[in-house]
Amino acid sequence: MTHTFSVWLVLATAFIAANLPFINERWLAVWPRRDPKTLWMRLGELLVLYFAVGAMGVALEQYAGQVAPQGWEFYATTGSLFLTLAFPGFVYRYLYRRRG
C-alpha cells in the first residue's frame, strides 16, 4: 500500500464517518434505537468516530514506518477538518427542508 493511497483512504473514511451520525438513527450505525437521536447524541457519536478514524490513521502510519509525535496543533487541525467534513450530513439532517 502506497503512502498516497493511505492518505486518500483516511480522508474517504473520515468523510463517511463524519456524516454517519447524521444520516441514520442507529448508534454507530450498528445498534438500533427506539427513540430518535438528539443533537448531543450525534455529537458524542461524532467524537467517538473521530477517535476511531484517528486510530486507523495511526495504524496506517505505523505500517508505513515510524509514527511521528503529534502536538495539540495536530488535533485542533484534524478536529476542525472532521467537523468540516460533517457539514453535508448536518445540513441534510437539520437544515434541508423536505417538501410535501
N, C-alpha and C. Protein backbone atom coordinates (compact mmCIF):
# COMPACT_ATOMS: atom_id res chain seq x y z
N MET A 1 0.85 -1.17 0.00
CA MET A 1 0.00 0.00 0.00
C MET A 1 0.89 1.24 0.00
N THR A 2 0.64 2.14 -0.92
CA THR A 2 1.47 3.34 -1.02
C THR A 2 1.02 4.38 0.00
N HIS A 3 1.89 5.34 0.22
CA HIS A 3 1.59 6.41 1.16
C HIS A 3 0.41 7.25 0.66
N THR A 4 0.37 7.53 -0.62
CA THR A 4 -0.71 8.32 -1.20
C THR A 4 -2.06 7.63 -1.02
N PHE A 5 -2.09 6.33 -1.27
CA PHE A 5 -3.33 5.57 -1.08
C PHE A 5 -3.78 5.60 0.37
N SER A 6 -2.84 5.51 1.30
CA SER A 6 -3.18 5.56 2.73
C SER A 6 -3.82 6.89 3.10
N VAL A 7 -3.28 7.98 2.56
CA VAL A 7 -3.83 9.31 2.84
C VAL A 7 -5.25 9.42 2.31
N TRP A 8 -5.48 8.98 1.08
CA TRP A 8 -6.81 9.06 0.50
C TRP A 8 -7.78 8.13 1.21
N LEU A 9 -7.29 6.99 1.67
CA LEU A 9 -8.14 6.07 2.42
C LEU A 9 -8.60 6.70 3.73
N VAL A 10 -7.72 7.36 4.43
CA VAL A 10 -8.08 8.02 5.69
C VAL A 10 -9.06 9.17 5.44
N LEU A 11 -8.83 9.95 4.38
CA LEU A 11 -9.74 11.05 4.08
C LEU A 11 -11.13 10.56 3.69
N ALA A 12 -11.20 9.52 2.88
CA ALA A 12 -12.51 8.96 2.49
C ALA A 12 -13.23 8.37 3.70
N THR A 13 -12.49 7.66 4.53
CA THR A 13 -13.09 7.09 5.74
C THR A 13 -13.56 8.19 6.69
N ALA A 14 -12.78 9.27 6.79
CA ALA A 14 -13.17 10.39 7.65
C ALA A 14 -14.45 11.05 7.13
N PHE A 15 -14.58 11.19 5.82
CA PHE A 15 -15.78 11.80 5.25
C PHE A 15 -17.02 10.95 5.55
N ILE A 16 -16.89 9.65 5.36
CA ILE A 16 -18.01 8.75 5.63
C ILE A 16 -18.34 8.73 7.12
N ALA A 17 -17.32 8.62 7.96
CA ALA A 17 -17.55 8.56 9.41
C ALA A 17 -18.11 9.87 9.95
N ALA A 18 -17.71 11.00 9.38
CA ALA A 18 -18.20 12.29 9.87
C ALA A 18 -19.68 12.50 9.54
N ASN A 19 -20.15 11.91 8.45
CA ASN A 19 -21.55 12.07 8.06
C ASN A 19 -22.44 10.97 8.60
N LEU A 20 -21.86 9.89 9.06
CA LEU A 20 -22.63 8.74 9.53
C LEU A 20 -23.62 9.07 10.66
N PRO A 21 -23.26 9.86 11.67
CA PRO A 21 -24.23 10.15 12.73
C PRO A 21 -25.47 10.90 12.26
N PHE A 22 -25.35 11.62 11.15
CA PHE A 22 -26.45 12.45 10.70
C PHE A 22 -27.36 11.77 9.68
N ILE A 23 -26.92 10.66 9.11
CA ILE A 23 -27.74 10.04 8.06
C ILE A 23 -28.50 8.81 8.54
N ASN A 24 -28.29 8.38 9.76
CA ASN A 24 -29.05 7.23 10.27
C ASN A 24 -29.41 7.43 11.74
N GLU A 25 -30.31 6.60 12.20
CA GLU A 25 -30.79 6.69 13.59
C GLU A 25 -30.18 5.60 14.48
N ARG A 26 -29.30 4.79 13.96
CA ARG A 26 -28.65 3.74 14.75
C ARG A 26 -27.42 4.29 15.45
N TRP A 27 -27.12 3.76 16.62
CA TRP A 27 -25.92 4.17 17.35
C TRP A 27 -24.71 3.53 16.68
N LEU A 28 -23.79 4.35 16.20
CA LEU A 28 -22.59 3.93 15.47
C LEU A 28 -22.94 3.07 14.25
N ALA A 29 -24.12 3.29 13.70
CA ALA A 29 -24.63 2.59 12.51
C ALA A 29 -24.77 1.09 12.74
N VAL A 30 -24.81 0.64 13.99
CA VAL A 30 -24.91 -0.79 14.28
C VAL A 30 -26.12 -1.09 15.15
N TRP A 31 -26.21 -0.45 16.31
CA TRP A 31 -27.25 -0.78 17.29
C TRP A 31 -28.48 0.08 17.08
N PRO A 32 -29.65 -0.55 16.93
CA PRO A 32 -30.88 0.23 16.72
C PRO A 32 -31.31 0.95 17.99
N ARG A 33 -32.06 2.04 17.79
CA ARG A 33 -32.59 2.84 18.90
C ARG A 33 -34.10 2.96 18.72
N ARG A 34 -34.82 3.03 19.81
CA ARG A 34 -36.27 3.24 19.74
C ARG A 34 -36.61 4.70 19.52
N ASP A 35 -35.92 5.56 20.23
CA ASP A 35 -36.18 6.99 20.12
C ASP A 35 -35.19 7.63 19.15
N PRO A 36 -35.57 8.73 18.51
CA PRO A 36 -34.62 9.43 17.64
C PRO A 36 -33.44 9.97 18.43
N LYS A 37 -32.30 10.04 17.79
CA LYS A 37 -31.11 10.59 18.44
C LYS A 37 -31.22 12.11 18.54
N THR A 38 -30.73 12.64 19.65
CA THR A 38 -30.68 14.09 19.81
C THR A 38 -29.39 14.62 19.21
N LEU A 39 -29.28 15.93 19.11
CA LEU A 39 -28.06 16.53 18.57
C LEU A 39 -26.85 16.18 19.43
N TRP A 40 -27.04 16.14 20.76
CA TRP A 40 -25.92 15.82 21.66
C TRP A 40 -25.46 14.38 21.47
N MET A 41 -26.39 13.48 21.21
CA MET A 41 -26.01 12.09 20.95
C MET A 41 -25.22 12.00 19.65
N ARG A 42 -25.64 12.76 18.65
CA ARG A 42 -24.93 12.76 17.37
C ARG A 42 -23.53 13.34 17.51
N LEU A 43 -23.39 14.39 18.33
CA LEU A 43 -22.06 14.96 18.54
C LEU A 43 -21.16 14.01 19.33
N GLY A 44 -21.72 13.28 20.29
CA GLY A 44 -20.94 12.27 21.00
C GLY A 44 -20.50 11.15 20.07
N GLU A 45 -21.40 10.74 19.21
CA GLU A 45 -21.06 9.71 18.23
C GLU A 45 -19.98 10.22 17.27
N LEU A 46 -20.07 11.51 16.92
CA LEU A 46 -19.06 12.12 16.04
C LEU A 46 -17.69 12.10 16.71
N LEU A 47 -17.65 12.34 18.01
CA LEU A 47 -16.39 12.31 18.75
C LEU A 47 -15.80 10.90 18.78
N VAL A 48 -16.65 9.90 19.01
CA VAL A 48 -16.19 8.50 19.02
C VAL A 48 -15.63 8.13 17.65
N LEU A 49 -16.32 8.52 16.59
CA LEU A 49 -15.87 8.19 15.24
C LEU A 49 -14.59 8.95 14.87
N TYR A 50 -14.42 10.17 15.40
CA TYR A 50 -13.18 10.91 15.19
C TYR A 50 -11.98 10.13 15.72
N PHE A 51 -12.13 9.59 16.93
CA PHE A 51 -11.03 8.82 17.51
C PHE A 51 -10.83 7.49 16.79
N ALA A 52 -11.91 6.89 16.27
CA ALA A 52 -11.77 5.64 15.52
C ALA A 52 -11.01 5.87 14.21
N VAL A 53 -11.33 6.96 13.51
CA VAL A 53 -10.60 7.27 12.28
C VAL A 53 -9.16 7.63 12.61
N GLY A 54 -8.94 8.33 13.71
CA GLY A 54 -7.58 8.65 14.13
C GLY A 54 -6.77 7.41 14.43
N ALA A 55 -7.40 6.43 15.08
CA ALA A 55 -6.70 5.17 15.37
C ALA A 55 -6.34 4.44 14.07
N MET A 56 -7.25 4.49 13.09
CA MET A 56 -6.94 3.88 11.80
C MET A 56 -5.77 4.60 11.13
N GLY A 57 -5.74 5.92 11.24
CA GLY A 57 -4.64 6.69 10.67
C GLY A 57 -3.31 6.36 11.33
N VAL A 58 -3.32 6.22 12.64
CA VAL A 58 -2.09 5.86 13.37
C VAL A 58 -1.63 4.45 12.96
N ALA A 59 -2.59 3.53 12.80
CA ALA A 59 -2.24 2.17 12.39
C ALA A 59 -1.62 2.16 10.99
N LEU A 60 -2.17 2.95 10.08
CA LEU A 60 -1.59 3.03 8.73
C LEU A 60 -0.21 3.69 8.75
N GLU A 61 -0.06 4.69 9.62
CA GLU A 61 1.25 5.34 9.74
C GLU A 61 2.28 4.38 10.34
N GLN A 62 1.88 3.59 11.30
CA GLN A 62 2.76 2.58 11.90
C GLN A 62 3.16 1.54 10.85
N TYR A 63 2.22 1.17 10.00
CA TYR A 63 2.50 0.19 8.94
C TYR A 63 3.52 0.75 7.95
N ALA A 64 3.44 2.08 7.67
CA ALA A 64 4.34 2.70 6.71
C ALA A 64 5.71 2.99 7.30
N GLY A 65 5.82 3.11 8.60
CA GLY A 65 7.10 3.43 9.22
C GLY A 65 6.90 3.92 10.63
N GLN A 66 7.73 4.86 11.04
CA GLN A 66 7.69 5.38 12.39
C GLN A 66 6.54 6.38 12.55
N VAL A 67 5.86 6.32 13.68
CA VAL A 67 4.77 7.25 13.98
C VAL A 67 5.37 8.55 14.49
N ALA A 68 4.99 9.66 13.85
CA ALA A 68 5.50 10.97 14.23
C ALA A 68 4.77 11.46 15.48
N PRO A 69 5.46 12.11 16.40
CA PRO A 69 4.79 12.66 17.58
C PRO A 69 3.89 13.83 17.17
N GLN A 70 2.72 13.95 17.82
CA GLN A 70 1.76 14.99 17.47
C GLN A 70 1.51 15.88 18.68
N GLY A 71 1.40 17.17 18.41
CA GLY A 71 1.07 18.14 19.46
C GLY A 71 -0.39 18.55 19.37
N TRP A 72 -0.76 19.52 20.17
CA TRP A 72 -2.15 19.97 20.20
C TRP A 72 -2.58 20.57 18.87
N GLU A 73 -1.64 21.13 18.12
CA GLU A 73 -1.97 21.74 16.83
C GLU A 73 -2.53 20.71 15.86
N PHE A 74 -1.95 19.52 15.88
CA PHE A 74 -2.41 18.44 15.00
C PHE A 74 -3.86 18.08 15.32
N TYR A 75 -4.18 17.94 16.60
CA TYR A 75 -5.54 17.55 16.99
C TYR A 75 -6.54 18.67 16.74
N ALA A 76 -6.13 19.92 16.89
CA ALA A 76 -7.01 21.05 16.58
C ALA A 76 -7.31 21.09 15.08
N THR A 77 -6.31 20.84 14.27
CA THR A 77 -6.49 20.86 12.82
C THR A 77 -7.34 19.69 12.35
N THR A 78 -7.05 18.48 12.82
CA THR A 78 -7.82 17.33 12.37
C THR A 78 -9.25 17.36 12.90
N GLY A 79 -9.44 17.88 14.11
CA GLY A 79 -10.80 18.03 14.64
C GLY A 79 -11.61 19.02 13.81
N SER A 80 -10.99 20.12 13.42
CA SER A 80 -11.67 21.10 12.57
C SER A 80 -11.98 20.51 11.20
N LEU A 81 -11.05 19.74 10.65
CA LEU A 81 -11.30 19.09 9.37
C LEU A 81 -12.44 18.09 9.48
N PHE A 82 -12.49 17.34 10.56
CA PHE A 82 -13.56 16.36 10.76
C PHE A 82 -14.92 17.05 10.86
N LEU A 83 -14.98 18.17 11.58
CA LEU A 83 -16.24 18.93 11.66
C LEU A 83 -16.64 19.51 10.31
N THR A 84 -15.66 19.94 9.54
CA THR A 84 -15.94 20.45 8.20
C THR A 84 -16.47 19.35 7.30
N LEU A 85 -15.91 18.16 7.41
CA LEU A 85 -16.39 17.03 6.61
C LEU A 85 -17.79 16.61 7.03
N ALA A 86 -18.19 16.90 8.26
CA ALA A 86 -19.52 16.53 8.75
C ALA A 86 -20.60 17.52 8.32
N PHE A 87 -20.23 18.63 7.72
CA PHE A 87 -21.20 19.66 7.37
C PHE A 87 -22.29 19.18 6.41
N PRO A 88 -21.99 18.41 5.35
CA PRO A 88 -23.09 17.95 4.48
C PRO A 88 -24.13 17.12 5.22
N GLY A 89 -23.72 16.26 6.11
CA GLY A 89 -24.67 15.46 6.88
C GLY A 89 -25.50 16.32 7.83
N PHE A 90 -24.88 17.32 8.45
CA PHE A 90 -25.60 18.24 9.33
C PHE A 90 -26.64 19.02 8.55
N VAL A 91 -26.27 19.50 7.37
CA VAL A 91 -27.21 20.24 6.53
C VAL A 91 -28.37 19.34 6.13
N TYR A 92 -28.07 18.12 5.75
CA TYR A 92 -29.11 17.18 5.36
C TYR A 92 -30.08 16.92 6.50
N ARG A 93 -29.58 16.74 7.71
CA ARG A 93 -30.42 16.39 8.85
C ARG A 93 -31.21 17.57 9.40
N TYR A 94 -30.56 18.74 9.53
CA TYR A 94 -31.19 19.83 10.28
C TYR A 94 -31.59 21.05 9.44
N LEU A 95 -30.99 21.26 8.29
CA LEU A 95 -31.26 22.48 7.55
C LEU A 95 -32.04 22.26 6.26
N TYR A 96 -31.98 21.06 5.70
CA TYR A 96 -32.65 20.79 4.45
C TYR A 96 -34.15 20.63 4.70
N ARG A 97 -34.94 21.42 4.03
CA ARG A 97 -36.38 21.37 4.23
C ARG A 97 -36.99 20.41 3.22
N ARG A 98 -37.66 19.40 3.73
CA ARG A 98 -38.31 18.44 2.87
C ARG A 98 -39.69 18.97 2.47
N ARG A 99 -40.00 18.82 1.20
CA ARG A 99 -41.31 19.30 0.71
C ARG A 99 -42.30 18.15 0.73
N GLY A 100 -43.55 18.50 1.02
CA GLY A 100 -44.60 17.50 0.92
C GLY A 100 -44.97 16.83 2.16
